[in-house]
Amino acid sequence: MLVILLIYFENNANSKIEVGNDKTKNNQTVSVKSDSNVATDKSIADKKAASDLDARITALGDINNLTLDKASDVQTTRKDFEALTSDQKNL
C-alpha cells in the first residue's frame, strides 16, 4: 500500500495527503486530495457564499420600497457583499 501511495505521489506532485484515525475500526485512514479536489471545494464554498448573500439581498425586498427599518440589514448586507472575493461576486 505504501509503495502504491509513493508512486501515486511521484506522478501527482500537487496532491495533498490527510491522515486520520477511523474511530470505528481503530485503523489509520488515509485520504488523498488532489489540487483539483481542493479547487472544487473552493468552488462549492464560493457558490454557497454567493448564494447565501443573494438570498439575503432578495429577502430585503424591492429596492424602491426599502424603509429606514431595514437600514441596518442593508448596511450589513452591503458589508458582507464587499467582503466577497471577486470570484464570488461574479457568480
PDB file of N, CA and C in Angstrom:
ATOM      1  N   MET A   1       0.826  -1.194   0.000  1.00  0.00           N
ATOM      2  CA  MET A   1       0.000   0.000   0.000  1.00  0.00           C
ATOM      3  C   MET A   1       0.866   1.251   0.000  1.00  0.00           C
ATOM      4  N   LEU A   2       1.887   1.295   0.821  1.00  0.00           N
ATOM      5  CA  LEU A   2       2.762   2.461   0.900  1.00  0.00           C
ATOM      6  C   LEU A   2       3.469   2.693  -0.427  1.00  0.00           C
ATOM      7  N   VAL A   3       3.893   1.624  -1.079  1.00  0.00           N
ATOM      8  CA  VAL A   3       4.559   1.741  -2.370  1.00  0.00           C
ATOM      9  C   VAL A   3       3.621   2.360  -3.397  1.00  0.00           C
ATOM     10  N   ILE A   4       2.367   1.944  -3.381  1.00  0.00           N
ATOM     11  CA  ILE A   4       1.380   2.496  -4.312  1.00  0.00           C
ATOM     12  C   ILE A   4       1.202   3.984  -4.067  1.00  0.00           C
ATOM     13  N   LEU A   5       1.109   4.386  -2.796  1.00  0.00           N
ATOM     14  CA  LEU A   5       0.965   5.800  -2.467  1.00  0.00           C
ATOM     15  C   LEU A   5       2.179   6.599  -2.918  1.00  0.00           C
ATOM     16  N   LEU A   6       3.367   6.053  -2.705  1.00  0.00           N
ATOM     17  CA  LEU A   6       4.572   6.757  -3.112  1.00  0.00           C
ATOM     18  C   LEU A   6       4.615   6.941  -4.623  1.00  0.00           C
ATOM     19  N   ILE A   7       4.260   5.913  -5.359  1.00  0.00           N
ATOM     20  CA  ILE A   7       4.222   6.019  -6.819  1.00  0.00           C
ATOM     21  C   ILE A   7       3.177   7.047  -7.238  1.00  0.00           C
ATOM     22  N   TYR A   8       2.029   7.013  -6.581  1.00  0.00           N
ATOM     23  CA  TYR A   8       0.966   7.966  -6.895  1.00  0.00           C
ATOM     24  C   TYR A   8       1.450   9.403  -6.692  1.00  0.00           C
ATOM     25  N   PHE A   9       2.129   9.645  -5.572  1.00  0.00           N
ATOM     26  CA  PHE A   9       2.585  10.998  -5.282  1.00  0.00           C
ATOM     27  C   PHE A   9       3.717  11.439  -6.183  1.00  0.00           C
ATOM     28  N   GLU A  10       4.530  10.517  -6.647  1.00  0.00           N
ATOM     29  CA  GLU A  10       5.560  10.877  -7.603  1.00  0.00           C
ATOM     30  C   GLU A  10       4.927  11.348  -8.900  1.00  0.00           C
ATOM     31  N   ASN A  11       3.817  10.763  -9.264  1.00  0.00           N
ATOM     32  CA  ASN A  11       3.132  11.133 -10.501  1.00  0.00           C
ATOM     33  C   ASN A  11       2.179  12.305 -10.318  1.00  0.00           C
ATOM     34  N   ASN A  12       1.818  12.628  -9.115  1.00  0.00           N
ATOM     35  CA  ASN A  12       0.879  13.708  -8.816  1.00  0.00           C
ATOM     36  C   ASN A  12       1.476  14.606  -7.742  1.00  0.00           C
ATOM     37  N   ALA A  13       2.476  15.344  -8.090  1.00  0.00           N
ATOM     38  CA  ALA A  13       3.237  16.129  -7.120  1.00  0.00           C
ATOM     39  C   ALA A  13       2.401  17.181  -6.416  1.00  0.00           C
ATOM     40  N   ASN A  14       1.297  17.603  -7.002  1.00  0.00           N
ATOM     41  CA  ASN A  14       0.477  18.649  -6.399  1.00  0.00           C
ATOM     42  C   ASN A  14      -0.584  18.106  -5.454  1.00  0.00           C
ATOM     43  N   SER A  15      -0.544  16.822  -5.157  1.00  0.00           N
ATOM     44  CA  SER A  15      -1.543  16.212  -4.284  1.00  0.00           C
ATOM     45  C   SER A  15      -1.235  16.493  -2.821  1.00  0.00           C
ATOM     46  N   LYS A  16      -2.280  16.455  -2.025  1.00  0.00           N
ATOM     47  CA  LYS A  16      -2.139  16.637  -0.574  1.00  0.00           C
ATOM     48  C   LYS A  16      -2.641  15.373   0.090  1.00  0.00           C
ATOM     49  N   ILE A  17      -2.079  15.056   1.231  1.00  0.00           N
ATOM     50  CA  ILE A  17      -2.491  13.845   1.939  1.00  0.00           C
ATOM     51  C   ILE A  17      -2.990  14.234   3.325  1.00  0.00           C
ATOM     52  N   GLU A  18      -4.059  13.589   3.743  1.00  0.00           N
ATOM     53  CA  GLU A  18      -4.597  13.799   5.084  1.00  0.00           C
ATOM     54  C   GLU A  18      -4.638  12.447   5.777  1.00  0.00           C
ATOM     55  N   VAL A  19      -4.129  12.413   6.980  1.00  0.00           N
ATOM     56  CA  VAL A  19      -4.112  11.167   7.739  1.00  0.00           C
ATOM     57  C   VAL A  19      -4.945  11.369   8.988  1.00  0.00           C
ATOM     58  N   GLY A  20      -5.792  10.393   9.285  1.00  0.00           N
ATOM     59  CA  GLY A  20      -6.611  10.497  10.488  1.00  0.00           C
ATOM     60  C   GLY A  20      -6.885   9.121  11.044  1.00  0.00           C
ATOM     61  N   ASN A  21      -7.584   9.070  12.141  1.00  0.00           N
ATOM     62  CA  ASN A  21      -7.916   7.791  12.752  1.00  0.00           C
ATOM     63  C   ASN A  21      -9.385   7.478  12.534  1.00  0.00           C
ATOM     64  N   ASP A  22      -9.652   6.274  12.104  1.00  0.00           N
ATOM     65  CA  ASP A  22     -11.012   5.787  11.958  1.00  0.00           C
ATOM     66  C   ASP A  22     -11.421   5.221  13.309  1.00  0.00           C
ATOM     67  N   LYS A  23     -12.278   5.930  14.010  1.00  0.00           N
ATOM     68  CA  LYS A  23     -12.616   5.556  15.386  1.00  0.00           C
ATOM     69  C   LYS A  23     -13.422   4.262  15.458  1.00  0.00           C
ATOM     70  N   THR A  24     -14.102   3.893  14.371  1.00  0.00           N
ATOM     71  CA  THR A  24     -14.913   2.687  14.433  1.00  0.00           C
ATOM     72  C   THR A  24     -14.079   1.413  14.321  1.00  0.00           C
ATOM     73  N   LYS A  25     -12.933   1.473  13.653  1.00  0.00           N
ATOM     74  CA  LYS A  25     -12.145   0.274  13.439  1.00  0.00           C
ATOM     75  C   LYS A  25     -10.761   0.347  14.082  1.00  0.00           C
ATOM     76  N   ASN A  26     -10.447   1.457  14.676  1.00  0.00           N
ATOM     77  CA  ASN A  26      -9.117   1.684  15.249  1.00  0.00           C
ATOM     78  C   ASN A  26      -8.000   1.516  14.221  1.00  0.00           C
ATOM     79  N   ASN A  27      -8.299   1.783  12.982  1.00  0.00           N
ATOM     80  CA  ASN A  27      -7.296   1.741  11.926  1.00  0.00           C
ATOM     81  C   ASN A  27      -7.004   3.161  11.480  1.00  0.00           C
ATOM     82  N   GLN A  28      -5.828   3.352  10.958  1.00  0.00           N
ATOM     83  CA  GLN A  28      -5.498   4.659  10.431  1.00  0.00           C
ATOM     84  C   GLN A  28      -6.023   4.744   9.000  1.00  0.00           C
ATOM     85  N   THR A  29      -6.686   5.842   8.703  1.00  0.00           N
ATOM     86  CA  THR A  29      -7.202   6.033   7.355  1.00  0.00           C
ATOM     87  C   THR A  29      -6.409   7.116   6.654  1.00  0.00           C
ATOM     88  N   VAL A  30      -6.292   6.986   5.361  1.00  0.00           N
ATOM     89  CA  VAL A  30      -5.565   7.965   4.562  1.00  0.00           C
ATOM     90  C   VAL A  30      -6.474   8.391   3.422  1.00  0.00           C
ATOM     91  N   SER A  31      -6.637   9.701   3.269  1.00  0.00           N
ATOM     92  CA  SER A  31      -7.384  10.189   2.115  1.00  0.00           C
ATOM     93  C   SER A  31      -6.479  11.121   1.331  1.00  0.00           C
ATOM     94  N   VAL A  32      -6.588  11.056   0.042  1.00  0.00           N
ATOM     95  CA  VAL A  32      -5.745  11.857  -0.834  1.00  0.00           C
ATOM     96  C   VAL A  32      -6.617  12.883  -1.522  1.00  0.00           C
ATOM     97  N   LYS A  33      -6.175  14.144  -1.475  1.00  0.00           N
ATOM     98  CA  LYS A  33      -6.878  15.214  -2.169  1.00  0.00           C
ATOM     99  C   LYS A  33      -5.928  15.811  -3.189  1.00  0.00           C
ATOM    100  N   SER A  34      -6.335  15.825  -4.417  1.00  0.00           N
ATOM    101  CA  SER A  34      -5.522  16.474  -5.437  1.00  0.00           C
ATOM    102  C   SER A  34      -5.900  17.947  -5.473  1.00  0.00           C
ATOM    103  N   ASP A  35      -5.091  18.750  -6.160  1.00  0.00           N
ATOM    104  CA  ASP A  35      -5.401  20.170  -6.267  1.00  0.00           C
ATOM    105  C   ASP A  35      -6.743  20.401  -6.941  1.00  0.00           C
ATOM    106  N   SER A  36      -7.141  19.517  -7.845  1.00  0.00           N
ATOM    107  CA  SER A  36      -8.437  19.680  -8.497  1.00  0.00           C
ATOM    108  C   SER A  36      -9.569  19.499  -7.487  1.00  0.00           C
ATOM    109  N   ASN A  37      -9.406  18.592  -6.505  1.00  0.00           N
ATOM    110  CA  ASN A  37     -10.422  18.436  -5.455  1.00  0.00           C
ATOM    111  C   ASN A  37     -10.480  19.677  -4.582  1.00  0.00           C
ATOM    112  N   VAL A  38      -9.321  20.245  -4.264  1.00  0.00           N
ATOM    113  CA  VAL A  38      -9.279  21.459  -3.446  1.00  0.00           C
ATOM    114  C   VAL A  38      -9.952  22.591  -4.199  1.00  0.00           C
ATOM    115  N   ALA A  39      -9.684  22.685  -5.512  1.00  0.00           N
ATOM    116  CA  ALA A  39     -10.315  23.716  -6.319  1.00  0.00           C
ATOM    117  C   ALA A  39     -11.829  23.530  -6.339  1.00  0.00           C
ATOM    118  N   THR A  40     -12.284  22.301  -6.427  1.00  0.00           N
ATOM    119  CA  THR A  40     -13.710  22.021  -6.416  1.00  0.00           C
ATOM    120  C   THR A  40     -14.325  22.413  -5.084  1.00  0.00           C
ATOM    121  N   ASP A  41     -13.641  22.115  -3.984  1.00  0.00           N
ATOM    122  CA  ASP A  41     -14.122  22.510  -2.658  1.00  0.00           C
ATOM    123  C   ASP A  41     -14.252  24.027  -2.573  1.00  0.00           C
ATOM    124  N   LYS A  42     -13.267  24.746  -3.119  1.00  0.00           N
ATOM    125  CA  LYS A  42     -13.304  26.207  -3.106  1.00  0.00           C
ATOM    126  C   LYS A  42     -14.472  26.703  -3.951  1.00  0.00           C
ATOM    127  N   SER A  43     -14.676  26.088  -5.101  1.00  0.00           N
ATOM    128  CA  SER A  43     -15.763  26.478  -5.984  1.00  0.00           C
ATOM    129  C   SER A  43     -17.112  26.297  -5.300  1.00  0.00           C
ATOM    130  N   ILE A  44     -17.266  25.199  -4.600  1.00  0.00           N
ATOM    131  CA  ILE A  44     -18.513  24.940  -3.872  1.00  0.00           C
ATOM    132  C   ILE A  44     -18.716  25.990  -2.778  1.00  0.00           C
ATOM    133  N   ALA A  45     -17.651  26.296  -2.044  1.00  0.00           N
ATOM    134  CA  ALA A  45     -17.741  27.304  -0.978  1.00  0.00           C
ATOM    135  C   ALA A  45     -18.055  28.680  -1.564  1.00  0.00           C
ATOM    136  N   ASP A  46     -17.434  29.010  -2.702  1.00  0.00           N
ATOM    137  CA  ASP A  46     -17.709  30.294  -3.354  1.00  0.00           C
ATOM    138  C   ASP A  46     -19.166  30.389  -3.771  1.00  0.00           C
ATOM    139  N   LYS A  47     -19.696  29.315  -4.371  1.00  0.00           N
ATOM    140  CA  LYS A  47     -21.086  29.312  -4.799  1.00  0.00           C
ATOM    141  C   LYS A  47     -22.032  29.441  -3.617  1.00  0.00           C
ATOM    142  N   LYS A  48     -21.696  28.787  -2.507  1.00  0.00           N
ATOM    143  CA  LYS A  48     -22.542  28.874  -1.313  1.00  0.00           C
ATOM    144  C   LYS A  48     -22.535  30.290  -0.745  1.00  0.00           C
ATOM    145  N   ALA A  49     -21.357  30.908  -0.664  1.00  0.00           N
ATOM    146  CA  ALA A  49     -21.268  32.275  -0.139  1.00  0.00           C
ATOM    147  C   ALA A  49     -22.072  33.236  -1.011  1.00  0.00           C
ATOM    148  N   ALA A  50     -21.938  33.105  -2.329  1.00  0.00           N
ATOM    149  CA  ALA A  50     -22.675  33.974  -3.245  1.00  0.00           C
ATOM    150  C   ALA A  50     -24.179  33.723  -3.151  1.00  0.00           C
ATOM    151  N   SER A  51     -24.560  32.468  -3.078  1.00  0.00           N
ATOM    152  CA  SER A  51     -25.976  32.105  -2.994  1.00  0.00           C
ATOM    153  C   SER A  51     -26.602  32.607  -1.695  1.00  0.00           C
ATOM    154  N   ASP A  52     -25.882  32.436  -0.589  1.00  0.00           N
ATOM    155  CA  ASP A  52     -26.403  32.896   0.711  1.00  0.00           C
ATOM    156  C   ASP A  52     -26.616  34.406   0.705  1.00  0.00           C
ATOM    157  N   LEU A  53     -25.657  35.136   0.154  1.00  0.00           N
ATOM    158  CA  LEU A  53     -25.795  36.591   0.119  1.00  0.00           C
ATOM    159  C   LEU A  53     -26.910  36.998  -0.837  1.00  0.00           C
ATOM    160  N   ASP A  54     -27.030  36.310  -1.967  1.00  0.00           N
ATOM    161  CA  ASP A  54     -28.097  36.595  -2.916  1.00  0.00           C
ATOM    162  C   ASP A  54     -29.462  36.418  -2.257  1.00  0.00           C
ATOM    163  N   ALA A  55     -29.604  35.388  -1.453  1.00  0.00           N
ATOM    164  CA  ALA A  55     -30.867  35.149  -0.737  1.00  0.00           C
ATOM    165  C   ALA A  55     -31.150  36.278   0.251  1.00  0.00           C
ATOM    166  N   ARG A  56     -30.102  36.752   0.914  1.00  0.00           N
ATOM    167  CA  ARG A  56     -30.292  37.863   1.868  1.00  0.00           C
ATOM    168  C   ARG A  56     -30.676  39.149   1.145  1.00  0.00           C
ATOM    169  N   ILE A  57     -30.088  39.388  -0.030  1.00  0.00           N
ATOM    170  CA  ILE A  57     -30.435  40.579  -0.806  1.00  0.00           C
ATOM    171  C   ILE A  57     -31.892  40.487  -1.260  1.00  0.00           C
ATOM    172  N   THR A  58     -32.286  39.327  -1.734  1.00  0.00           N
ATOM    173  CA  THR A  58     -33.666  39.109  -2.171  1.00  0.00           C
ATOM    174  C   THR A  58     -34.642  39.313  -1.008  1.00  0.00           C
ATOM    175  N   ALA A  59     -34.255  38.865   0.172  1.00  0.00           N
ATOM    176  CA  ALA A  59     -35.120  38.991   1.354  1.00  0.00           C
ATOM    177  C   ALA A  59     -35.343  40.454   1.752  1.00  0.00           C
ATOM    178  N   LEU A  60     -34.443  41.344   1.342  1.00  0.00           N
ATOM    179  CA  LEU A  60     -34.632  42.766   1.655  1.00  0.00           C
ATOM    180  C   LEU A  60     -35.855  43.330   0.945  1.00  0.00           C
ATOM    181  N   GLY A  61     -36.218  42.736  -0.166  1.00  0.00           N
ATOM    182  CA  GLY A  61     -37.391  43.190  -0.904  1.00  0.00           C
ATOM    183  C   GLY A  61     -37.034  44.174  -2.003  1.00  0.00           C
ATOM    184  N   ASP A  62     -38.074  44.747  -2.587  1.00  0.00           N
ATOM    185  CA  ASP A  62     -37.925  45.691  -3.697  1.00  0.00           C
ATOM    186  C   ASP A  62     -37.135  46.916  -3.251  1.00  0.00           C
ATOM    187  N   ILE A  63     -36.110  47.242  -4.019  1.00  0.00           N
ATOM    188  CA  ILE A  63     -35.243  48.371  -3.659  1.00  0.00           C
ATOM    189  C   ILE A  63     -36.018  49.684  -3.583  1.00  0.00           C
ATOM    190  N   ASN A  64     -37.080  49.800  -4.361  1.00  0.00           N
ATOM    191  CA  ASN A  64     -37.875  51.033  -4.360  1.00  0.00           C
ATOM    192  C   ASN A  64     -38.782  51.154  -3.144  1.00  0.00           C
ATOM    193  N   ASN A  65     -38.910  50.078  -2.387  1.00  0.00           N
ATOM    194  CA  ASN A  65     -39.785  50.087  -1.217  1.00  0.00           C
ATOM    195  C   ASN A  65     -39.033  49.914   0.092  1.00  0.00           C
ATOM    196  N   LEU A  66     -37.718  50.073   0.082  1.00  0.00           N
ATOM    197  CA  LEU A  66     -36.946  49.945   1.321  1.00  0.00           C
ATOM    198  C   LEU A  66     -37.256  51.108   2.242  1.00  0.00           C
ATOM    199  N   THR A  67     -37.338  50.815   3.521  1.00  0.00           N
ATOM    200  CA  THR A  67     -37.606  51.842   4.527  1.00  0.00           C
ATOM    201  C   THR A  67     -36.478  51.859   5.544  1.00  0.00           C
ATOM    202  N   LEU A  68     -36.478  52.863   6.386  1.00  0.00           N
ATOM    203  CA  LEU A  68     -35.417  53.019   7.381  1.00  0.00           C
ATOM    204  C   LEU A  68     -35.326  51.850   8.354  1.00  0.00           C
ATOM    205  N   ASP A  69     -36.415  51.130   8.563  1.00  0.00           N
ATOM    206  CA  ASP A  69     -36.352  49.998   9.492  1.00  0.00           C
ATOM    207  C   ASP A  69     -35.478  48.867   8.947  1.00  0.00           C
ATOM    208  N   LYS A  70     -35.156  48.906   7.665  1.00  0.00           N
ATOM    209  CA  LYS A  70     -34.269  47.900   7.074  1.00  0.00           C
ATOM    210  C   LYS A  70     -32.845  48.431   6.880  1.00  0.00           C
ATOM    211  N   ALA A  71     -32.564  49.630   7.354  1.00  0.00           N
ATOM    212  CA  ALA A  71     -31.259  50.260   7.134  1.00  0.00           C
ATOM    213  C   ALA A  71     -30.123  49.402   7.679  1.00  0.00           C
ATOM    214  N   SER A  72     -30.293  48.851   8.856  1.00  0.00           N
ATOM    215  CA  SER A  72     -29.257  48.016   9.457  1.00  0.00           C
ATOM    216  C   SER A  72     -29.015  46.759   8.622  1.00  0.00           C
ATOM    217  N   ASP A  73     -30.107  46.155   8.137  1.00  0.00           N
ATOM    218  CA  ASP A  73     -29.981  44.960   7.293  1.00  0.00           C
ATOM    219  C   ASP A  73     -29.264  45.290   5.987  1.00  0.00           C
ATOM    220  N   VAL A  74     -29.586  46.443   5.406  1.00  0.00           N
ATOM    221  CA  VAL A  74     -28.952  46.863   4.159  1.00  0.00           C
ATOM    222  C   VAL A  74     -27.462  47.095   4.383  1.00  0.00           C
ATOM    223  N   GLN A  75     -27.111  47.761   5.468  1.00  0.00           N
ATOM    224  CA  GLN A  75     -25.702  48.036   5.769  1.00  0.00           C
ATOM    225  C   GLN A  75     -24.923  46.741   5.994  1.00  0.00           C
ATOM    226  N   THR A  76     -25.490  45.816   6.732  1.00  0.00           N
ATOM    227  CA  THR A  76     -24.829  44.536   6.993  1.00  0.00           C
ATOM    228  C   THR A  76     -24.657  43.740   5.700  1.00  0.00           C
ATOM    229  N   THR A  77     -25.702  43.729   4.889  1.00  0.00           N
ATOM    230  CA  THR A  77     -25.642  43.006   3.626  1.00  0.00           C
ATOM    231  C   THR A  77     -24.595  43.624   2.711  1.00  0.00           C
ATOM    232  N   ARG A  78     -24.532  44.950   2.664  1.00  0.00           N
ATOM    233  CA  ARG A  78     -23.532  45.642   1.834  1.00  0.00           C
ATOM    234  C   ARG A  78     -22.120  45.309   2.317  1.00  0.00           C
ATOM    235  N   LYS A  79     -21.918  45.310   3.619  1.00  0.00           N
ATOM    236  CA  LYS A  79     -20.608  44.979   4.191  1.00  0.00           C
ATOM    237  C   LYS A  79     -20.218  43.546   3.818  1.00  0.00           C
ATOM    238  N   ASP A  80     -21.160  42.633   3.912  1.00  0.00           N
ATOM    239  CA  ASP A  80     -20.888  41.235   3.561  1.00  0.00           C
ATOM    240  C   ASP A  80     -20.617  41.078   2.066  1.00  0.00           C
ATOM    241  N   PHE A  81     -21.308  41.870   1.232  1.00  0.00           N
ATOM    242  CA  PHE A  81     -21.045  41.842  -0.201  1.00  0.00           C
ATOM    243  C   PHE A  81     -19.624  42.305  -0.485  1.00  0.00           C
ATOM    244  N   GLU A  82     -19.203  43.372   0.161  1.00  0.00           N
ATOM    245  CA  GLU A  82     -17.856  43.895  -0.050  1.00  0.00           C
ATOM    246  C   GLU A  82     -16.784  42.913   0.416  1.00  0.00           C
ATOM    247  N   ALA A  83     -17.135  42.028   1.347  1.00  0.00           N
ATOM    248  CA  ALA A  83     -16.179  41.033   1.852  1.00  0.00           C
ATOM    249  C   ALA A  83     -16.024  39.840   0.912  1.00  0.00           C
ATOM    250  N   LEU A  84     -16.944  39.681  -0.050  1.00  0.00           N
ATOM    251  CA  LEU A  84     -16.826  38.585  -1.004  1.00  0.00           C
ATOM    252  C   LEU A  84     -15.592  38.776  -1.881  1.00  0.00           C
ATOM    253  N   THR A  85     -15.033  37.669  -2.326  1.00  0.00           N
ATOM    254  CA  THR A  85     -13.925  37.744  -3.289  1.00  0.00           C
ATOM    255  C   THR A  85     -14.497  38.120  -4.654  1.00  0.00           C
ATOM    256  N   SER A  86     -13.631  38.506  -5.573  1.00  0.00           N
ATOM    257  CA  SER A  86     -14.114  38.849  -6.912  1.00  0.00           C
ATOM    258  C   SER A  86     -14.728  37.624  -7.600  1.00  0.00           C
ATOM    259  N   ASP A  87     -14.183  36.434  -7.354  1.00  0.00           N
ATOM    260  CA  ASP A  87     -14.764  35.218  -7.920  1.00  0.00           C
ATOM    261  C   ASP A  87     -16.183  35.010  -7.403  1.00  0.00           C
ATOM    262  N   GLN A  88     -16.388  35.228  -6.108  1.00  0.00           N
ATOM    263  CA  GLN A  88     -17.716  35.052  -5.521  1.00  0.00           C
ATOM    264  C   GLN A  88     -18.691  36.089  -6.054  1.00  0.00           C
ATOM    265  N   LYS A  89     -18.237  37.314  -6.248  1.00  0.00           N
ATOM    266  CA  LYS A  89     -19.109  38.362  -6.772  1.00  0.00           C
ATOM    267  C   LYS A  89     -19.542  38.077  -8.204  1.00  0.00           C
ATOM    268  N   ASN A  90     -18.710  37.391  -8.954  1.00  0.00           N
ATOM    269  CA  ASN A  90     -19.017  37.100 -10.354  1.00  0.00           C
ATOM    270  C   ASN A  90     -19.960  35.924 -10.543  1.00  0.00           C
ATOM    271  N   LEU A  91     -20.295  35.213  -9.465  1.00  0.00           N
ATOM    272  CA  LEU A  91     -21.175  34.036  -9.594  1.00  0.00           C
ATOM    273  C   LEU A  91     -22.610  34.427  -9.723  1.00  0.00           C
TER     274      LEU A  91
END
